[in-house]
Amino acid sequence: MRWSSLFTVLGGGAVAVAGLLGLLSGHPWSALPLVLGIAVALREVRYLQRLRTGRIRER
């Protein structure tokens, strides 16, 4: 397990949750951090999947 990847996914998730809470409380600009947090977390998860299957080498 790569700790930096874990922290990246958790950080992206935390930003996404904060954006979702802001969006639910009536702040439409909170959609931007929501989308960015999800994108960062998803990109890191996909990177880890490619790394595990051997399609790419470690950075």
N, C-alpha and C. Protein backbone atom coordinates (compact mmCIF):
# COMPACT_ATOMS: atom_id res chain seq x y z
N MET A 1 0.85 -1.19 0.00
CA MET A 1 0.00 0.00 0.00
C MET A 1 0.89 1.23 0.00
N ARG A 2 0.61 2.10 -0.91
CA ARG A 2 1.35 3.37 -0.98
C ARG A 2 0.61 4.39 -0.13
N TRP A 3 1.28 4.90 0.89
CA TRP A 3 0.65 5.85 1.81
C TRP A 3 0.28 7.14 1.11
N SER A 4 1.10 7.59 0.19
CA SER A 4 0.79 8.84 -0.52
C SER A 4 -0.48 8.70 -1.34
N SER A 5 -0.69 7.52 -1.94
CA SER A 5 -1.91 7.30 -2.70
C SER A 5 -3.13 7.24 -1.79
N LEU A 6 -2.96 6.61 -0.63
CA LEU A 6 -4.06 6.55 0.33
C LEU A 6 -4.46 7.95 0.78
N PHE A 7 -3.48 8.77 1.10
CA PHE A 7 -3.77 10.14 1.53
C PHE A 7 -4.37 10.97 0.39
N THR A 8 -3.97 10.71 -0.84
CA THR A 8 -4.54 11.42 -1.98
C THR A 8 -6.01 11.07 -2.15
N VAL A 9 -6.34 9.78 -2.04
CA VAL A 9 -7.73 9.36 -2.18
C VAL A 9 -8.56 9.91 -1.01
N LEU A 10 -8.04 9.83 0.20
CA LEU A 10 -8.77 10.35 1.35
C LEU A 10 -8.94 11.87 1.27
N GLY A 11 -7.91 12.57 0.83
CA GLY A 11 -8.01 14.02 0.68
C GLY A 11 -9.02 14.41 -0.39
N GLY A 12 -9.00 13.71 -1.51
CA GLY A 12 -9.99 13.97 -2.56
C GLY A 12 -11.39 13.69 -2.07
N GLY A 13 -11.55 12.64 -1.29
CA GLY A 13 -12.85 12.33 -0.73
C GLY A 13 -13.32 13.38 0.26
N ALA A 14 -12.40 13.90 1.07
CA ALA A 14 -12.75 14.93 2.04
C ALA A 14 -13.17 16.22 1.34
N VAL A 15 -12.47 16.58 0.28
CA VAL A 15 -12.84 17.77 -0.48
C VAL A 15 -14.21 17.57 -1.14
N ALA A 16 -14.45 16.35 -1.64
CA ALA A 16 -15.73 16.07 -2.27
C ALA A 16 -16.87 16.15 -1.25
N VAL A 17 -16.65 15.63 -0.05
CA VAL A 17 -17.69 15.70 0.98
C VAL A 17 -17.95 17.15 1.38
N ALA A 18 -16.89 17.93 1.52
CA ALA A 18 -17.07 19.34 1.86
C ALA A 18 -17.83 20.08 0.76
N GLY A 19 -17.51 19.76 -0.48
CA GLY A 19 -18.23 20.37 -1.60
C GLY A 19 -19.69 19.95 -1.63
N LEU A 20 -19.95 18.69 -1.32
CA LEU A 20 -21.33 18.22 -1.29
C LEU A 20 -22.12 18.90 -0.17
N LEU A 21 -21.51 19.04 0.99
CA LEU A 21 -22.19 19.72 2.09
C LEU A 21 -22.46 21.18 1.75
N GLY A 22 -21.51 21.83 1.10
CA GLY A 22 -21.73 23.21 0.68
C GLY A 22 -22.82 23.32 -0.36
N LEU A 23 -22.85 22.37 -1.27
CA LEU A 23 -23.88 22.37 -2.31
C LEU A 23 -25.27 22.15 -1.70
N LEU A 24 -25.35 21.25 -0.74
CA LEU A 24 -26.63 20.99 -0.09
C LEU A 24 -27.11 22.15 0.76
N SER A 25 -26.16 22.98 1.22
CA SER A 25 -26.56 24.13 2.04
C SER A 25 -26.85 25.36 1.19
N GLY A 26 -26.86 25.22 -0.14
CA GLY A 26 -27.30 26.30 -1.01
C GLY A 26 -26.19 27.12 -1.64
N HIS A 27 -24.98 26.62 -1.68
CA HIS A 27 -23.87 27.34 -2.31
C HIS A 27 -23.54 26.67 -3.64
N PRO A 28 -24.01 27.20 -4.75
CA PRO A 28 -23.83 26.51 -6.04
C PRO A 28 -22.38 26.40 -6.48
N TRP A 29 -21.51 27.29 -6.05
CA TRP A 29 -20.10 27.20 -6.44
C TRP A 29 -19.38 26.05 -5.74
N SER A 30 -20.04 25.44 -4.77
CA SER A 30 -19.44 24.28 -4.10
C SER A 30 -19.41 23.05 -5.00
N ALA A 31 -20.07 23.13 -6.13
CA ALA A 31 -20.03 22.01 -7.07
C ALA A 31 -18.62 21.85 -7.65
N LEU A 32 -17.88 22.93 -7.76
CA LEU A 32 -16.52 22.85 -8.31
C LEU A 32 -15.60 22.00 -7.43
N PRO A 33 -15.48 22.26 -6.11
CA PRO A 33 -14.65 21.37 -5.31
C PRO A 33 -15.18 19.94 -5.25
N LEU A 34 -16.49 19.79 -5.34
CA LEU A 34 -17.08 18.45 -5.35
C LEU A 34 -16.57 17.67 -6.55
N VAL A 35 -16.64 18.26 -7.71
CA VAL A 35 -16.20 17.58 -8.94
C VAL A 35 -14.69 17.36 -8.92
N LEU A 36 -13.93 18.35 -8.48
CA LEU A 36 -12.47 18.20 -8.45
C LEU A 36 -12.03 17.13 -7.45
N GLY A 37 -12.68 17.08 -6.29
CA GLY A 37 -12.33 16.06 -5.30
C GLY A 37 -12.61 14.66 -5.81
N ILE A 38 -13.75 14.50 -6.46
CA ILE A 38 -14.08 13.19 -7.04
C ILE A 38 -13.09 12.82 -8.14
N ALA A 39 -12.74 13.80 -8.97
CA ALA A 39 -11.81 13.53 -10.07
C ALA A 39 -10.43 13.13 -9.57
N VAL A 40 -9.94 13.80 -8.54
CA VAL A 40 -8.61 13.47 -8.00
C VAL A 40 -8.61 12.07 -7.40
N ALA A 41 -9.63 11.77 -6.60
CA ALA A 41 -9.71 10.45 -5.97
C ALA A 41 -9.85 9.35 -7.03
N LEU A 42 -10.70 9.56 -8.01
CA LEU A 42 -10.92 8.57 -9.05
C LEU A 42 -9.66 8.36 -9.89
N ARG A 43 -8.96 9.42 -10.20
CA ARG A 43 -7.73 9.28 -10.99
C ARG A 43 -6.69 8.47 -10.24
N GLU A 44 -6.56 8.71 -8.94
CA GLU A 44 -5.58 7.97 -8.15
C GLU A 44 -5.96 6.49 -8.04
N VAL A 45 -7.23 6.20 -7.87
CA VAL A 45 -7.68 4.81 -7.80
C VAL A 45 -7.41 4.10 -9.12
N ARG A 46 -7.69 4.77 -10.22
CA ARG A 46 -7.43 4.16 -11.53
C ARG A 46 -5.92 3.95 -11.75
N TYR A 47 -5.10 4.89 -11.27
CA TYR A 47 -3.65 4.73 -11.36
C TYR A 47 -3.20 3.49 -10.58
N LEU A 48 -3.74 3.31 -9.38
CA LEU A 48 -3.37 2.16 -8.58
C LEU A 48 -3.81 0.85 -9.22
N GLN A 49 -4.97 0.86 -9.87
CA GLN A 49 -5.43 -0.34 -10.56
C GLN A 49 -4.51 -0.69 -11.72
N ARG A 50 -4.09 0.32 -12.49
CA ARG A 50 -3.17 0.06 -13.60
C ARG A 50 -1.82 -0.41 -13.09
N LEU A 51 -1.38 0.14 -11.97
CA LEU A 51 -0.10 -0.25 -11.38
C LEU A 51 -0.15 -1.70 -10.91
N ARG A 52 -1.27 -2.10 -10.30
CA ARG A 52 -1.41 -3.45 -9.78
C ARG A 52 -1.45 -4.48 -10.91
N THR A 53 -2.09 -4.15 -12.03
CA THR A 53 -2.18 -5.10 -13.12
C THR A 53 -0.92 -5.13 -13.98
N GLY A 54 -0.01 -4.22 -13.75
CA GLY A 54 1.24 -4.22 -14.49
C GLY A 54 1.19 -3.49 -15.81
N ARG A 55 0.13 -2.73 -16.07
CA ARG A 55 0.05 -1.99 -17.33
C ARG A 55 0.97 -0.79 -17.36
N ILE A 56 1.37 -0.29 -16.17
CA ILE A 56 2.31 0.83 -16.10
C ILE A 56 3.32 0.50 -15.01
N ARG A 57 4.44 1.24 -15.03
CA ARG A 57 5.44 1.10 -13.98
C ARG A 57 5.27 2.21 -12.96
N GLU A 58 5.83 2.00 -11.78
CA GLU A 58 5.68 2.98 -10.70
C GLU A 58 6.38 4.28 -11.04
N ARG A 59 5.75 5.39 -10.63
CA ARG A 59 6.33 6.72 -10.91
C ARG A 59 7.53 6.97 -10.04
